[in-house]
Amino acid sequence: MHPALISMAGASGMIELVVGALIVLGLFSRWAAFVASGEMAFAYFLAHFPRGFFPAQNGGDAAVLFCFIFLYLAAAGPGAFAINDK
């Protein structure tokens, strides 16, 4: 079963699909990584933070890790092999 596209899970799935493809291709990767970082922060505070403060206790360690990895990619840029290397 797939969630409806109008639901929050469907919207986040579509964002992850589009943004992930843009990051892999290196096309508008700074903006895509920034959006992905914001989505991971939103997912952490919406789903994991109510269960506890520390990510190791509430199961949100992967969301926090991906948030900071995407934030690093947004700051560092796509690299030399990207489609648009700006």
PDB file of N, CA and C in Angstrom:
ATOM      1  N   MET A   1       0.835  -1.179   0.000  1.00  0.00           N
ATOM      2  CA  MET A   1       0.000   0.000   0.000  1.00  0.00           C
ATOM      3  C   MET A   1       0.878   1.241   0.000  1.00  0.00           C
ATOM      4  N   HIS A   2       0.482   2.220  -0.773  1.00  0.00           N
ATOM      5  CA  HIS A   2       1.184   3.489  -0.862  1.00  0.00           C
ATOM      6  C   HIS A   2       0.328   4.574  -0.210  1.00  0.00           C
ATOM      7  N   PRO A   3       0.958   5.522   0.454  1.00  0.00           N
ATOM      8  CA  PRO A   3       0.160   6.613   1.031  1.00  0.00           C
ATOM      9  C   PRO A   3      -0.373   7.534  -0.069  1.00  0.00           C
ATOM     10  N   ALA A   4      -1.439   8.197   0.236  1.00  0.00           N
ATOM     11  CA  ALA A   4      -1.997   9.155  -0.720  1.00  0.00           C
ATOM     12  C   ALA A   4      -1.026  10.309  -0.906  1.00  0.00           C
ATOM     13  N   LEU A   5      -0.958  10.847  -2.118  1.00  0.00           N
ATOM     14  CA  LEU A   5      -0.029  11.938  -2.397  1.00  0.00           C
ATOM     15  C   LEU A   5      -0.388  13.213  -1.643  1.00  0.00           C
ATOM     16  N   ILE A   6      -1.626  13.351  -1.252  1.00  0.00           N
ATOM     17  CA  ILE A   6      -2.052  14.542  -0.531  1.00  0.00           C
ATOM     18  C   ILE A   6      -1.660  14.467   0.936  1.00  0.00           C
ATOM     19  N   SER A   7      -1.382  13.274   1.442  1.00  0.00           N
ATOM     20  CA  SER A   7      -1.015  13.135   2.850  1.00  0.00           C
ATOM     21  C   SER A   7       0.406  13.636   3.090  1.00  0.00           C
ATOM     22  N   MET A   8       0.770  13.763   4.353  1.00  0.00           N
ATOM     23  CA  MET A   8       2.098  14.250   4.694  1.00  0.00           C
ATOM     24  C   MET A   8       3.175  13.240   4.287  1.00  0.00           C
ATOM     25  N   ALA A   9       2.884  11.959   4.433  1.00  0.00           N
ATOM     26  CA  ALA A   9       3.836  10.931   4.026  1.00  0.00           C
ATOM     27  C   ALA A   9       4.021  10.923   2.503  1.00  0.00           C
ATOM     28  N   GLY A  10       2.957  11.129   1.767  1.00  0.00           N
ATOM     29  CA  GLY A  10       3.059  11.186   0.315  1.00  0.00           C
ATOM     30  C   GLY A  10       3.827  12.403  -0.163  1.00  0.00           C
ATOM     31  N   ALA A  11       3.578  13.529   0.476  1.00  0.00           N
ATOM     32  CA  ALA A  11       4.293  14.755   0.099  1.00  0.00           C
ATOM     33  C   ALA A  11       5.776  14.637   0.420  1.00  0.00           C
ATOM     34  N   SER A  12       6.101  14.080   1.580  1.00  0.00           N
ATOM     35  CA  SER A  12       7.522  13.933   1.924  1.00  0.00           C
ATOM     36  C   SER A  12       8.193  12.909   1.014  1.00  0.00           C
ATOM     37  N   GLY A  13       7.471  11.891   0.610  1.00  0.00           N
ATOM     38  CA  GLY A  13       8.032  10.923  -0.330  1.00  0.00           C
ATOM     39  C   GLY A  13       8.333  11.537  -1.681  1.00  0.00           C
ATOM     40  N   MET A  14       7.449  12.385  -2.153  1.00  0.00           N
ATOM     41  CA  MET A  14       7.688  13.055  -3.434  1.00  0.00           C
ATOM     42  C   MET A  14       8.856  14.043  -3.326  1.00  0.00           C
ATOM     43  N   ILE A  15       8.929  14.761  -2.200  1.00  0.00           N
ATOM     44  CA  ILE A  15      10.053  15.680  -1.997  1.00  0.00           C
ATOM     45  C   ILE A  15      11.364  14.904  -1.978  1.00  0.00           C
ATOM     46  N   GLU A  16      11.394  13.788  -1.248  1.00  0.00           N
ATOM     47  CA  GLU A  16      12.611  12.983  -1.175  1.00  0.00           C
ATOM     48  C   GLU A  16      13.000  12.418  -2.531  1.00  0.00           C
ATOM     49  N   LEU A  17      12.020  12.014  -3.331  1.00  0.00           N
ATOM     50  CA  LEU A  17      12.311  11.461  -4.654  1.00  0.00           C
ATOM     51  C   LEU A  17      12.913  12.520  -5.578  1.00  0.00           C
ATOM     52  N   VAL A  18      12.297  13.681  -5.631  1.00  0.00           N
ATOM     53  CA  VAL A  18      12.760  14.740  -6.530  1.00  0.00           C
ATOM     54  C   VAL A  18      14.092  15.314  -6.054  1.00  0.00           C
ATOM     55  N   VAL A  19      14.166  15.622  -4.774  1.00  0.00           N
ATOM     56  CA  VAL A  19      15.372  16.237  -4.228  1.00  0.00           C
ATOM     57  C   VAL A  19      16.548  15.260  -4.268  1.00  0.00           C
ATOM     58  N   GLY A  20      16.290  13.995  -4.000  1.00  0.00           N
ATOM     59  CA  GLY A  20      17.351  12.993  -4.067  1.00  0.00           C
ATOM     60  C   GLY A  20      17.901  12.850  -5.473  1.00  0.00           C
ATOM     61  N   ALA A  21      17.014  12.867  -6.465  1.00  0.00           N
ATOM     62  CA  ALA A  21      17.480  12.779  -7.847  1.00  0.00           C
ATOM     63  C   ALA A  21      18.294  14.013  -8.233  1.00  0.00           C
ATOM     64  N   LEU A  22      17.865  15.185  -7.789  1.00  0.00           N
ATOM     65  CA  LEU A  22      18.611  16.406  -8.098  1.00  0.00           C
ATOM     66  C   LEU A  22      19.989  16.392  -7.447  1.00  0.00           C
ATOM     67  N   ILE A  23      20.078  15.891  -6.224  1.00  0.00           N
ATOM     68  CA  ILE A  23      21.371  15.845  -5.539  1.00  0.00           C
ATOM     69  C   ILE A  23      22.298  14.852  -6.220  1.00  0.00           C
ATOM     70  N   VAL A  24      21.788  13.700  -6.594  1.00  0.00           N
ATOM     71  CA  VAL A  24      22.620  12.694  -7.261  1.00  0.00           C
ATOM     72  C   VAL A  24      23.123  13.198  -8.604  1.00  0.00           C
ATOM     73  N   LEU A  25      22.268  13.876  -9.353  1.00  0.00           N
ATOM     74  CA  LEU A  25      22.677  14.397 -10.654  1.00  0.00           C
ATOM     75  C   LEU A  25      23.546  15.642 -10.540  1.00  0.00           C
ATOM     76  N   GLY A  26      23.450  16.344  -9.439  1.00  0.00           N
ATOM     77  CA  GLY A  26      24.200  17.581  -9.286  1.00  0.00           C
ATOM     78  C   GLY A  26      23.540  18.747  -9.977  1.00  0.00           C
ATOM     79  N   LEU A  27      22.246  18.688 -10.125  1.00  0.00           N
ATOM     80  CA  LEU A  27      21.480  19.740 -10.785  1.00  0.00           C
ATOM     81  C   LEU A  27      20.747  20.537  -9.714  1.00  0.00           C
ATOM     82  N   PHE A  28      21.097  21.796  -9.557  1.00  0.00           N
ATOM     83  CA  PHE A  28      20.560  22.637  -8.482  1.00  0.00           C
ATOM     84  C   PHE A  28      20.743  21.965  -7.120  1.00  0.00           C
ATOM     85  N   SER A  29      21.907  21.383  -6.917  1.00  0.00           N
ATOM     86  CA  SER A  29      22.114  20.558  -5.730  1.00  0.00           C
ATOM     87  C   SER A  29      22.181  21.364  -4.445  1.00  0.00           C
ATOM     88  N   ARG A  30      22.639  22.604  -4.494  1.00  0.00           N
ATOM     89  CA  ARG A  30      22.657  23.405  -3.265  1.00  0.00           C
ATOM     90  C   ARG A  30      21.237  23.655  -2.760  1.00  0.00           C
ATOM     91  N   TRP A  31      20.352  24.058  -3.651  1.00  0.00           N
ATOM     92  CA  TRP A  31      18.966  24.292  -3.249  1.00  0.00           C
ATOM     93  C   TRP A  31      18.281  22.995  -2.846  1.00  0.00           C
ATOM     94  N   ALA A  32      18.553  21.925  -3.581  1.00  0.00           N
ATOM     95  CA  ALA A  32      17.931  20.641  -3.271  1.00  0.00           C
ATOM     96  C   ALA A  32      18.400  20.120  -1.915  1.00  0.00           C
ATOM     97  N   ALA A  33      19.672  20.272  -1.621  1.00  0.00           N
ATOM     98  CA  ALA A  33      20.191  19.820  -0.332  1.00  0.00           C
ATOM     99  C   ALA A  33      19.632  20.669   0.809  1.00  0.00           C
ATOM    100  N   PHE A  34      19.438  21.955   0.558  1.00  0.00           N
ATOM    101  CA  PHE A  34      18.846  22.818   1.577  1.00  0.00           C
ATOM    102  C   PHE A  34      17.408  22.411   1.873  1.00  0.00           C
ATOM    103  N   VAL A  35      16.639  22.095   0.835  1.00  0.00           N
ATOM    104  CA  VAL A  35      15.261  21.636   1.020  1.00  0.00           C
ATOM    105  C   VAL A  35      15.243  20.297   1.743  1.00  0.00           C
ATOM    106  N   ALA A  36      16.154  19.392   1.376  1.00  0.00           N
ATOM    107  CA  ALA A  36      16.224  18.091   2.035  1.00  0.00           C
ATOM    108  C   ALA A  36      16.617  18.238   3.502  1.00  0.00           C
ATOM    109  N   SER A  37      17.511  19.154   3.802  1.00  0.00           N
ATOM    110  CA  SER A  37      17.894  19.400   5.191  1.00  0.00           C
ATOM    111  C   SER A  37      16.704  19.918   5.997  1.00  0.00           C
ATOM    112  N   GLY A  38      15.959  20.820   5.430  1.00  0.00           N
ATOM    113  CA  GLY A  38      14.765  21.320   6.104  1.00  0.00           C
ATOM    114  C   GLY A  38      13.722  20.245   6.310  1.00  0.00           C
ATOM    115  N   GLU A  39      13.584  19.361   5.343  1.00  0.00           N
ATOM    116  CA  GLU A  39      12.629  18.270   5.491  1.00  0.00           C
ATOM    117  C   GLU A  39      13.039  17.314   6.607  1.00  0.00           C
ATOM    118  N   MET A  40      14.322  17.030   6.699  1.00  0.00           N
ATOM    119  CA  MET A  40      14.791  16.150   7.764  1.00  0.00           C
ATOM    120  C   MET A  40      14.631  16.791   9.142  1.00  0.00           C
ATOM    121  N   ALA A  41      14.863  18.102   9.225  1.00  0.00           N
ATOM    122  CA  ALA A  41      14.646  18.805  10.494  1.00  0.00           C
ATOM    123  C   ALA A  41      13.162  18.778  10.859  1.00  0.00           C
ATOM    124  N   PHE A  42      12.308  19.007   9.879  1.00  0.00           N
ATOM    125  CA  PHE A  42      10.865  18.962  10.108  1.00  0.00           C
ATOM    126  C   PHE A  42      10.430  17.568  10.549  1.00  0.00           C
ATOM    127  N   ALA A  43      10.971  16.531   9.918  1.00  0.00           N
ATOM    128  CA  ALA A  43      10.628  15.159  10.288  1.00  0.00           C
ATOM    129  C   ALA A  43      11.088  14.843  11.703  1.00  0.00           C
ATOM    130  N   TYR A  44      12.272  15.334  12.070  1.00  0.00           N
ATOM    131  CA  TYR A  44      12.758  15.071  13.427  1.00  0.00           C
ATOM    132  C   TYR A  44      11.864  15.734  14.463  1.00  0.00           C
ATOM    133  N   PHE A  45      11.569  17.004  14.273  1.00  0.00           N
ATOM    134  CA  PHE A  45      10.780  17.713  15.277  1.00  0.00           C
ATOM    135  C   PHE A  45       9.325  17.279  15.292  1.00  0.00           C
ATOM    136  N   LEU A  46       8.824  16.767  14.193  1.00  0.00           N
ATOM    137  CA  LEU A  46       7.440  16.331  14.160  1.00  0.00           C
ATOM    138  C   LEU A  46       7.271  14.914  14.701  1.00  0.00           C
ATOM    139  N   ALA A  47       8.185  14.016  14.350  1.00  0.00           N
ATOM    140  CA  ALA A  47       7.990  12.611  14.685  1.00  0.00           C
ATOM    141  C   ALA A  47       8.819  12.133  15.878  1.00  0.00           C
ATOM    142  N   HIS A  48      10.017  12.640  16.052  1.00  0.00           N
ATOM    143  CA  HIS A  48      10.909  12.082  17.069  1.00  0.00           C
ATOM    144  C   HIS A  48      11.022  12.938  18.324  1.00  0.00           C
ATOM    145  N   PHE A  49      11.043  14.234  18.179  1.00  0.00           N
ATOM    146  CA  PHE A  49      11.256  15.124  19.316  1.00  0.00           C
ATOM    147  C   PHE A  49      10.199  14.980  20.412  1.00  0.00           C
ATOM    148  N   PRO A  50       8.924  14.737  20.080  1.00  0.00           N
ATOM    149  CA  PRO A  50       7.942  14.567  21.167  1.00  0.00           C
ATOM    150  C   PRO A  50       8.217  13.358  22.060  1.00  0.00           C
ATOM    151  N   ARG A  51       9.000  12.398  21.591  1.00  0.00           N
ATOM    152  CA  ARG A  51       9.295  11.207  22.400  1.00  0.00           C
ATOM    153  C   ARG A  51      10.489  11.382  23.315  1.00  0.00           C
ATOM    154  N   GLY A  52      11.207  12.484  23.196  1.00  0.00           N
ATOM    155  CA  GLY A  52      12.356  12.736  24.049  1.00  0.00           C
ATOM    156  C   GLY A  52      13.265  13.778  23.436  1.00  0.00           C
ATOM    157  N   PHE A  53      14.201  14.283  24.246  1.00  0.00           N
ATOM    158  CA  PHE A  53      15.064  15.363  23.784  1.00  0.00           C
ATOM    159  C   PHE A  53      16.245  14.861  22.961  1.00  0.00           C
ATOM    160  N   PHE A  54      16.892  13.797  23.405  1.00  0.00           N
ATOM    161  CA  PHE A  54      18.119  13.327  22.770  1.00  0.00           C
ATOM    162  C   PHE A  54      17.812  12.379  21.607  1.00  0.00           C
ATOM    163  N   PRO A  55      18.489  12.556  20.463  1.00  0.00           N
ATOM    164  CA  PRO A  55      18.211  11.712  19.299  1.00  0.00           C
ATOM    165  C   PRO A  55      18.500  10.229  19.535  1.00  0.00           C
ATOM    166  N   ALA A  56      19.470   9.905  20.352  1.00  0.00           N
ATOM    167  CA  ALA A  56      19.773   8.495  20.611  1.00  0.00           C
ATOM    168  C   ALA A  56      18.669   7.823  21.419  1.00  0.00           C
ATOM    169  N   GLN A  57      17.916   8.588  22.164  1.00  0.00           N
ATOM    170  CA  GLN A  57      16.843   8.021  22.973  1.00  0.00           C
ATOM    171  C   GLN A  57      15.514   7.962  22.235  1.00  0.00           C
ATOM    172  N   ASN A  58      15.259   8.900  21.340  1.00  0.00           N
ATOM    173  CA  ASN A  58      13.952   8.944  20.688  1.00  0.00           C
ATOM    174  C   ASN A  58      13.944   8.344  19.283  1.00  0.00           C
ATOM    175  N   GLY A  59      15.059   7.787  18.826  1.00  0.00           N
ATOM    176  CA  GLY A  59      15.111   7.146  17.517  1.00  0.00           C
ATOM    177  C   GLY A  59      15.289   8.099  16.360  1.00  0.00           C
ATOM    178  N   GLY A  60      15.648   9.336  16.633  1.00  0.00           N
ATOM    179  CA  GLY A  60      15.783  10.320  15.570  1.00  0.00           C
ATOM    180  C   GLY A  60      17.207  10.576  15.142  1.00  0.00           C
ATOM    181  N   ASP A  61      18.111   9.666  15.462  1.00  0.00           N
ATOM    182  CA  ASP A  61      19.521   9.896  15.132  1.00  0.00           C
ATOM    183  C   ASP A  61      19.765   9.926  13.632  1.00  0.00           C
ATOM    184  N   ALA A  62      19.075   9.120  12.867  1.00  0.00           N
ATOM    185  CA  ALA A  62      19.255   9.127  11.411  1.00  0.00           C
ATOM    186  C   ALA A  62      18.717  10.429  10.804  1.00  0.00           C
ATOM    187  N   ALA A  63      17.596  10.924  11.308  1.00  0.00           N
ATOM    188  CA  ALA A  63      17.039  12.172  10.789  1.00  0.00           C
ATOM    189  C   ALA A  63      17.979  13.340  11.062  1.00  0.00           C
ATOM    190  N   VAL A  64      18.561  13.391  12.254  1.00  0.00           N
ATOM    191  CA  VAL A  64      19.501  14.461  12.578  1.00  0.00           C
ATOM    192  C   VAL A  64      20.763  14.339  11.734  1.00  0.00           C
ATOM    193  N   LEU A  65      21.250  13.119  11.556  1.00  0.00           N
ATOM    194  CA  LEU A  65      22.446  12.899  10.746  1.00  0.00           C
ATOM    195  C   LEU A  65      22.228  13.343   9.309  1.00  0.00           C
ATOM    196  N   PHE A  66      21.119  12.934   8.700  1.00  0.00           N
ATOM    197  CA  PHE A  66      20.824  13.343   7.332  1.00  0.00           C
ATOM    198  C   PHE A  66      20.601  14.843   7.234  1.00  0.00           C
ATOM    199  N   CYS A  67      20.008  15.445   8.253  1.00  0.00           N
ATOM    200  CA  CYS A  67      19.809  16.892   8.254  1.00  0.00           C
ATOM    201  C   CYS A  67      21.140  17.614   8.149  1.00  0.00           C
ATOM    202  N   PHE A  68      22.118  17.212   8.952  1.00  0.00           N
ATOM    203  CA  PHE A  68      23.410  17.886   8.922  1.00  0.00           C
ATOM    204  C   PHE A  68      24.231  17.522   7.684  1.00  0.00           C
ATOM    205  N   ILE A  69      24.068  16.320   7.165  1.00  0.00           N
ATOM    206  CA  ILE A  69      24.765  15.952   5.922  1.00  0.00           C
ATOM    207  C   ILE A  69      24.237  16.799   4.756  1.00  0.00           C
ATOM    208  N   PHE A  70      22.926  16.932   4.663  1.00  0.00           N
ATOM    209  CA  PHE A  70      22.350  17.754   3.596  1.00  0.00           C
ATOM    210  C   PHE A  70      22.697  19.224   3.778  1.00  0.00           C
ATOM    211  N   LEU A  71      22.777  19.682   5.018  1.00  0.00           N
ATOM    212  CA  LEU A  71      23.179  21.064   5.258  1.00  0.00           C
ATOM    213  C   LEU A  71      24.626  21.290   4.832  1.00  0.00           C
ATOM    214  N   TYR A  72      25.485  20.300   5.071  1.00  0.00           N
ATOM    215  CA  TYR A  72      26.868  20.388   4.596  1.00  0.00           C
ATOM    216  C   TYR A  72      26.921  20.430   3.071  1.00  0.00           C
ATOM    217  N   LEU A  73      26.143  19.569   2.408  1.00  0.00           N
ATOM    218  CA  LEU A  73      26.117  19.576   0.946  1.00  0.00           C
ATOM    219  C   LEU A  73      25.596  20.904   0.397  1.00  0.00           C
ATOM    220  N   ALA A  74      24.659  21.509   1.108  1.00  0.00           N
ATOM    221  CA  ALA A  74      24.158  22.814   0.668  1.00  0.00           C
ATOM    222  C   ALA A  74      25.239  23.882   0.782  1.00  0.00           C
ATOM    223  N   ALA A  75      26.080  23.781   1.784  1.00  0.00           N
ATOM    224  CA  ALA A  75      27.133  24.777   1.971  1.00  0.00           C
ATOM    225  C   ALA A  75      28.350  24.499   1.092  1.00  0.00           C
ATOM    226  N   ALA A  76      28.697  23.229   0.916  1.00  0.00           N
ATOM    227  CA  ALA A  76      29.918  22.866   0.191  1.00  0.00           C
ATOM    228  C   ALA A  76      29.732  22.871  -1.322  1.00  0.00           C
ATOM    229  N   GLY A  77      28.545  22.571  -1.793  1.00  0.00           N
ATOM    230  CA  GLY A  77      28.320  22.543  -3.233  1.00  0.00           C
ATOM    231  C   GLY A  77      28.387  21.139  -3.781  1.00  0.00           C
ATOM    232  N   PRO A  78      28.112  21.016  -5.065  1.00  0.00           N
ATOM    233  CA  PRO A  78      27.959  19.697  -5.657  1.00  0.00           C
ATOM    234  C   PRO A  78      29.262  18.977  -5.978  1.00  0.00           C
ATOM    235  N   GLY A  79      30.328  19.667  -6.229  1.00  0.00           N
ATOM    236  CA  GLY A  79      31.564  19.017  -6.615  1.00  0.00           C
ATOM    237  C   GLY A  79      31.844  19.179  -8.093  1.00  0.00           C
ATOM    238  N   ALA A  80      32.915  18.558  -8.541  1.00  0.00           N
ATOM    239  CA  ALA A  80      33.385  18.761  -9.905  1.00  0.00           C
ATOM    240  C   ALA A  80      32.592  17.982 -10.945  1.00  0.00           C
ATOM    241  N   PHE A  81      31.943  16.901 -10.567  1.00  0.00           N
ATOM    242  CA  PHE A  81      31.255  16.056 -11.543  1.00  0.00           C
ATOM    243  C   PHE A  81      29.767  16.326 -11.647  1.00  0.00           C
ATOM    244  N   ALA A  82      29.319  17.464 -11.172  1.00  0.00           N
ATOM    245  CA  ALA A  82      27.908  17.813 -11.218  1.00  0.00           C
ATOM    246  C   ALA A  82      27.529  18.333 -12.601  1.00  0.00           C
ATOM    247  N   ILE A  83      26.256  18.282 -12.903  1.00  0.00           N
ATOM    248  CA  ILE A  83      25.771  18.805 -14.191  1.00  0.00           C
ATOM    249  C   ILE A  83      25.972  20.310 -14.247  1.00  0.00           C
ATOM    250  N   ASN A  84      25.546  21.013 -13.215  1.00  0.00           N
ATOM    251  CA  ASN A  84      25.870  22.448 -13.134  1.00  0.00           C
ATOM    252  C   ASN A  84      26.725  22.646 -11.897  1.00  0.00           C
ATOM    253  N   ASP A  85      27.974  22.934 -12.113  1.00  0.00           N
ATOM    254  CA  ASP A  85      28.964  22.971 -11.023  1.00  0.00           C
ATOM    255  C   ASP A  85      29.132  24.365 -10.448  1.00  0.00           C
ATOM    256  N   LYS A  86      28.037  25.029 -10.153  1.00  0.00           N
ATOM    257  CA  LYS A  86      28.108  26.378  -9.588  1.00  0.00           C
ATOM    258  C   LYS A  86      27.597  26.373  -8.184  1.00  0.00           C
TER     259      LYS A  86
END
